[in-house]
Amino acid sequence: MVDLSGLMQRLCNSEDDDIGMVNHVEDHRWIVGDHDLFPIHVEELVNGQGVLLYATILRETSEPVYLPLISTLFIEGISGHSLGRYGICPGPISLSLYLKVDLNETDGLDKLKSKIACHRLLVECFLETEMTNSEAFDPVSTESGLEHPMVPLRH
């Protein structure tokens, strides 16, 4: 079992410019990023074996949301759609992208740093696509005749 509090403290002390500043916002939840880097939430899973990395954006402005993921889901009355370890929570006001990361003692800090950087890149690619594509993919669309929202296929 990984001591996430200790791991996050080591992450705070690592001064890694690639991931940005680490802020402990409440029990078992941190936000990684600053005004130059899109904020990524790090939330400890109940089993203590890993974390949930997520970023939530407002659909209209692409601004970050700093609420916990569960609060966003309850406020908007939405549910997530799993794509393996990745997932998407499309709502009428916000959109959240998340990733479940399993951690162990041997690769904890390095793995967490790389997953945070990769997840931020995924979010920034999504934002770039949204900003440049006037007919961007709408994950809530049910025009295909399917009962469930469409989600993009992984490559």
C-alpha atoms as a PDB file:
ATOM      1  CA  MET A   1       0.000   0.000   0.000  1.00  0.00           C
ATOM      2  CA  VAL A   2       1.336   3.415  -0.989  1.00  0.00           C
ATOM      3  CA  ASP A   3       1.527   6.289   1.507  1.00  0.00           C
ATOM      4  CA  LEU A   4      -0.063   8.878  -0.781  1.00  0.00           C
ATOM      5  CA  SER A   5       0.379  11.739   1.678  1.00  0.00           C
ATOM      6  CA  GLY A   6       4.122  11.030   1.811  1.00  0.00           C
ATOM      7  CA  LEU A   7       4.254  10.608  -1.955  1.00  0.00           C
ATOM      8  CA  MET A   8       2.494  13.937  -2.498  1.00  0.00           C
ATOM      9  CA  GLN A   9       4.810  15.623   0.012  1.00  0.00           C
ATOM     10  CA  ARG A  10       7.793  14.327  -1.995  1.00  0.00           C
ATOM     11  CA  LEU A  11       6.095  15.638  -5.126  1.00  0.00           C
ATOM     12  CA  CYS A  12       5.687  19.069  -3.485  1.00  0.00           C
ATOM     13  CA  ASN A  13       9.380  19.094  -2.604  1.00  0.00           C
ATOM     14  CA  SER A  14      10.553  17.926  -6.036  1.00  0.00           C
ATOM     15  CA  GLU A  15      10.214  21.392  -7.644  1.00  0.00           C
ATOM     16  CA  ASP A  16       9.440  19.892 -11.034  1.00  0.00           C
ATOM     17  CA  ASP A  17       8.674  22.656 -13.549  1.00  0.00           C
ATOM     18  CA  ASP A  18       7.011  20.152 -15.880  1.00  0.00           C
ATOM     19  CA  ILE A  19       4.039  19.550 -13.609  1.00  0.00           C
ATOM     20  CA  GLY A  20       3.794  22.853 -11.723  1.00  0.00           C
ATOM     21  CA  MET A  21       2.953  23.754  -8.164  1.00  0.00           C
ATOM     22  CA  VAL A  22       1.229  21.193  -5.922  1.00  0.00           C
ATOM     23  CA  ASN A  23      -1.515  22.437  -3.565  1.00  0.00           C
ATOM     24  CA  HIS A  24      -3.128  20.294  -0.879  1.00  0.00           C
ATOM     25  CA  VAL A  25      -6.741  21.518  -0.992  1.00  0.00           C
ATOM     26  CA  GLU A  26      -8.464  19.032   1.335  1.00  0.00           C
ATOM     27  CA  ASP A  27      -8.088  15.548   2.775  1.00  0.00           C
ATOM     28  CA  HIS A  28      -6.965  13.132   0.083  1.00  0.00           C
ATOM     29  CA  ARG A  29      -7.121  15.760  -2.715  1.00  0.00           C
ATOM     30  CA  TRP A  30      -4.464  17.933  -4.341  1.00  0.00           C
ATOM     31  CA  ILE A  31      -4.386  20.248  -7.347  1.00  0.00           C
ATOM     32  CA  VAL A  32      -1.266  20.273  -9.508  1.00  0.00           C
ATOM     33  CA  GLY A  33      -0.675  23.267 -11.764  1.00  0.00           C
ATOM     34  CA  ASP A  34      -0.577  27.033 -11.697  1.00  0.00           C
ATOM     35  CA  HIS A  35      -1.505  29.987 -13.892  1.00  0.00           C
ATOM     36  CA  ASP A  36       0.704  28.662 -16.721  1.00  0.00           C
ATOM     37  CA  LEU A  37      -0.264  24.981 -16.470  1.00  0.00           C
ATOM     38  CA  PHE A  38      -3.835  23.634 -16.603  1.00  0.00           C
ATOM     39  CA  PRO A  39      -4.767  22.320 -13.133  1.00  0.00           C
ATOM     40  CA  ILE A  40      -4.939  18.560 -12.699  1.00  0.00           C
ATOM     41  CA  HIS A  41      -6.722  17.192  -9.637  1.00  0.00           C
ATOM     42  CA  VAL A  42      -5.160  14.253  -7.792  1.00  0.00           C
ATOM     43  CA  GLU A  43      -7.595  12.388  -5.543  1.00  0.00           C
ATOM     44  CA  GLU A  44      -6.740   9.328  -3.492  1.00  0.00           C
ATOM     45  CA  LEU A  45      -8.864   6.262  -4.172  1.00  0.00           C
ATOM     46  CA  VAL A  46     -10.655   4.666  -1.231  1.00  0.00           C
ATOM     47  CA  ASN A  47      -8.588   1.474  -1.409  1.00  0.00           C
ATOM     48  CA  GLY A  48      -5.346   3.467  -1.026  1.00  0.00           C
ATOM     49  CA  GLN A  49      -3.831   1.681  -4.014  1.00  0.00           C
ATOM     50  CA  GLY A  50      -3.915   4.571  -6.424  1.00  0.00           C
ATOM     51  CA  VAL A  51      -5.301   7.913  -7.456  1.00  0.00           C
ATOM     52  CA  LEU A  52      -7.812   9.449  -9.794  1.00  0.00           C
ATOM     53  CA  LEU A  53      -6.371  12.203 -11.993  1.00  0.00           C
ATOM     54  CA  TYR A  54      -8.947  14.506 -13.513  1.00  0.00           C
ATOM     55  CA  ALA A  55      -9.490  17.901 -15.064  1.00  0.00           C
ATOM     56  CA  THR A  56     -12.837  19.619 -15.383  1.00  0.00           C
ATOM     57  CA  ILE A  57     -13.493  22.440 -17.817  1.00  0.00           C
ATOM     58  CA  LEU A  58     -16.420  24.745 -18.466  1.00  0.00           C
ATOM     59  CA  ARG A  59     -17.794  24.059 -21.920  1.00  0.00           C
ATOM     60  CA  GLU A  60     -18.441  27.705 -22.846  1.00  0.00           C
ATOM     61  CA  THR A  61     -15.114  29.231 -21.787  1.00  0.00           C
ATOM     62  CA  SER A  62     -12.695  26.268 -21.393  1.00  0.00           C
ATOM     63  CA  GLU A  63     -11.814  27.610 -17.948  1.00  0.00           C
ATOM     64  CA  PRO A  64     -10.822  25.082 -15.242  1.00  0.00           C
ATOM     65  CA  VAL A  65     -13.236  24.021 -12.506  1.00  0.00           C
ATOM     66  CA  TYR A  66     -11.741  23.558  -9.044  1.00  0.00           C
ATOM     67  CA  LEU A  67     -14.593  21.555  -7.485  1.00  0.00           C
ATOM     68  CA  PRO A  68     -14.072  17.864  -6.693  1.00  0.00           C
ATOM     69  CA  LEU A  69     -15.261  15.576  -9.486  1.00  0.00           C
ATOM     70  CA  ILE A  70     -18.021  14.043  -7.374  1.00  0.00           C
ATOM     71  CA  SER A  71     -19.467  17.515  -6.638  1.00  0.00           C
ATOM     72  CA  THR A  72     -19.544  18.332 -10.348  1.00  0.00           C
ATOM     73  CA  LEU A  73     -21.311  15.041 -11.091  1.00  0.00           C
ATOM     74  CA  PHE A  74     -23.969  15.678  -8.437  1.00  0.00           C
ATOM     75  CA  ILE A  75     -24.539  19.338  -9.362  1.00  0.00           C
ATOM     76  CA  GLU A  76     -25.037  18.567 -13.055  1.00  0.00           C
ATOM     77  CA  GLY A  77     -26.685  15.171 -12.553  1.00  0.00           C
ATOM     78  CA  ILE A  78     -24.274  13.396 -14.908  1.00  0.00           C
ATOM     79  CA  SER A  79     -22.418  10.112 -14.919  1.00  0.00           C
ATOM     80  CA  GLY A  80     -19.069   9.057 -16.287  1.00  0.00           C
ATOM     81  CA  HIS A  81     -18.335   6.896 -19.292  1.00  0.00           C
ATOM     82  CA  SER A  82     -15.378   4.584 -18.902  1.00  0.00           C
ATOM     83  CA  LEU A  83     -12.845   3.942 -21.640  1.00  0.00           C
ATOM     84  CA  GLY A  84     -10.724   1.474 -19.684  1.00  0.00           C
ATOM     85  CA  ARG A  85      -8.562   3.454 -17.251  1.00  0.00           C
ATOM     86  CA  TYR A  86      -9.670   6.681 -18.936  1.00  0.00           C
ATOM     87  CA  GLY A  87     -13.092   8.210 -18.756  1.00  0.00           C
ATOM     88  CA  ILE A  88     -15.183  11.189 -19.671  1.00  0.00           C
ATOM     89  CA  CYS A  89     -18.005  12.913 -17.809  1.00  0.00           C
ATOM     90  CA  PRO A  90     -19.880  15.083 -20.324  1.00  0.00           C
ATOM     91  CA  GLY A  91     -22.343  17.486 -18.791  1.00  0.00           C
ATOM     92  CA  PRO A  92     -24.386  20.403 -20.076  1.00  0.00           C
ATOM     93  CA  ILE A  93     -22.095  22.933 -18.347  1.00  0.00           C
ATOM     94  CA  SER A  94     -18.803  21.131 -17.826  1.00  0.00           C
ATOM     95  CA  LEU A  95     -16.749  18.271 -19.154  1.00  0.00           C
ATOM     96  CA  SER A  96     -14.352  16.161 -17.076  1.00  0.00           C
ATOM     97  CA  LEU A  97     -11.609  13.855 -18.314  1.00  0.00           C
ATOM     98  CA  TYR A  98     -10.244  11.369 -15.799  1.00  0.00           C
ATOM     99  CA  LEU A  99      -7.648   8.632 -15.464  1.00  0.00           C
ATOM    100  CA  LYS A 100      -7.264   5.949 -12.799  1.00  0.00           C
ATOM    101  CA  VAL A 101      -3.620   5.375 -11.847  1.00  0.00           C
ATOM    102  CA  ASP A 102      -2.481   2.364  -9.813  1.00  0.00           C
ATOM    103  CA  LEU A 103       0.589   3.115  -7.705  1.00  0.00           C
ATOM    104  CA  ASN A 104       3.085   0.972  -5.824  1.00  0.00           C
ATOM    105  CA  GLU A 105       6.102   1.755  -3.665  1.00  0.00           C
ATOM    106  CA  THR A 106       8.706   1.166  -6.379  1.00  0.00           C
ATOM    107  CA  ASP A 107       7.395   3.416  -9.146  1.00  0.00           C
ATOM    108  CA  GLY A 108       5.100   5.796  -7.262  1.00  0.00           C
ATOM    109  CA  LEU A 109       6.683   9.247  -7.666  1.00  0.00           C
ATOM    110  CA  ASP A 110       8.060   8.886 -11.196  1.00  0.00           C
ATOM    111  CA  LYS A 111       4.903   7.211 -12.456  1.00  0.00           C
ATOM    112  CA  LEU A 112       2.691   9.871 -10.859  1.00  0.00           C
ATOM    113  CA  LYS A 113       4.735  12.715 -12.386  1.00  0.00           C
ATOM    114  CA  SER A 114       4.573  11.198 -15.863  1.00  0.00           C
ATOM    115  CA  LYS A 115       0.837  10.447 -15.612  1.00  0.00           C
ATOM    116  CA  ILE A 116       0.093  14.025 -14.474  1.00  0.00           C
ATOM    117  CA  ALA A 117       2.106  15.429 -17.401  1.00  0.00           C
ATOM    118  CA  CYS A 118       0.424  13.051 -19.881  1.00  0.00           C
ATOM    119  CA  HIS A 119      -3.075  13.763 -18.563  1.00  0.00           C
ATOM    120  CA  ARG A 120      -2.461  17.510 -18.805  1.00  0.00           C
ATOM    121  CA  LEU A 121      -1.311  17.029 -22.403  1.00  0.00           C
ATOM    122  CA  LEU A 122      -4.511  15.096 -23.167  1.00  0.00           C
ATOM    123  CA  VAL A 123      -6.632  17.912 -21.675  1.00  0.00           C
ATOM    124  CA  GLU A 124      -4.684  20.590 -23.559  1.00  0.00           C
ATOM    125  CA  CYS A 125      -5.066  18.654 -26.838  1.00  0.00           C
ATOM    126  CA  PHE A 126      -8.797  18.437 -26.207  1.00  0.00           C
ATOM    127  CA  LEU A 127      -8.948  22.182 -25.486  1.00  0.00           C
ATOM    128  CA  GLU A 128      -6.914  22.957 -28.620  1.00  0.00           C
ATOM    129  CA  THR A 129      -9.327  20.885 -30.703  1.00  0.00           C
ATOM    130  CA  GLU A 130     -12.342  22.575 -29.143  1.00  0.00           C
ATOM    131  CA  MET A 131     -10.924  26.052 -29.752  1.00  0.00           C
ATOM    132  CA  THR A 132      -9.961  25.434 -33.406  1.00  0.00           C
ATOM    133  CA  ASN A 133     -12.783  23.150 -34.576  1.00  0.00           C
ATOM    134  CA  SER A 134     -16.146  24.862 -35.016  1.00  0.00           C
ATOM    135  CA  GLU A 135     -17.882  21.504 -35.451  1.00  0.00           C
ATOM    136  CA  ALA A 136     -16.123  19.814 -32.534  1.00  0.00           C
ATOM    137  CA  PHE A 137     -17.105  16.343 -31.411  1.00  0.00           C
ATOM    138  CA  ASP A 138     -19.990  16.457 -28.941  1.00  0.00           C
ATOM    139  CA  PRO A 139     -19.691  13.487 -26.547  1.00  0.00           C
ATOM    140  CA  VAL A 140     -23.276  14.032 -25.338  1.00  0.00           C
ATOM    141  CA  SER A 141     -24.753  13.632 -28.819  1.00  0.00           C
ATOM    142  CA  THR A 142     -27.206  10.772 -29.304  1.00  0.00           C
ATOM    143  CA  GLU A 143     -27.909  11.512 -32.970  1.00  0.00           C
ATOM    144  CA  SER A 144     -26.528   8.116 -33.928  1.00  0.00           C
ATOM    145  CA  GLY A 145     -29.711   6.474 -32.683  1.00  0.00           C
ATOM    146  CA  LEU A 146     -27.867   4.814 -29.814  1.00  0.00           C
ATOM    147  CA  GLU A 147     -29.342   4.996 -26.340  1.00  0.00           C
ATOM    148  CA  HIS A 148     -26.005   5.987 -24.831  1.00  0.00           C
ATOM    149  CA  PRO A 149     -23.839   9.025 -25.621  1.00  0.00           C
ATOM    150  CA  MET A 150     -21.134   8.460 -28.212  1.00  0.00           C
ATOM    151  CA  VAL A 151     -17.545   8.380 -27.026  1.00  0.00           C
ATOM    152  CA  PRO A 152     -14.479   8.475 -29.255  1.00  0.00           C
ATOM    153  CA  LEU A 153     -12.582   5.251 -29.915  1.00  0.00           C
ATOM    154  CA  ARG A 154      -9.083   4.945 -28.509  1.00  0.00           C
ATOM    155  CA  HIS A 155      -6.296   4.501 -31.053  1.00  0.00           C
END
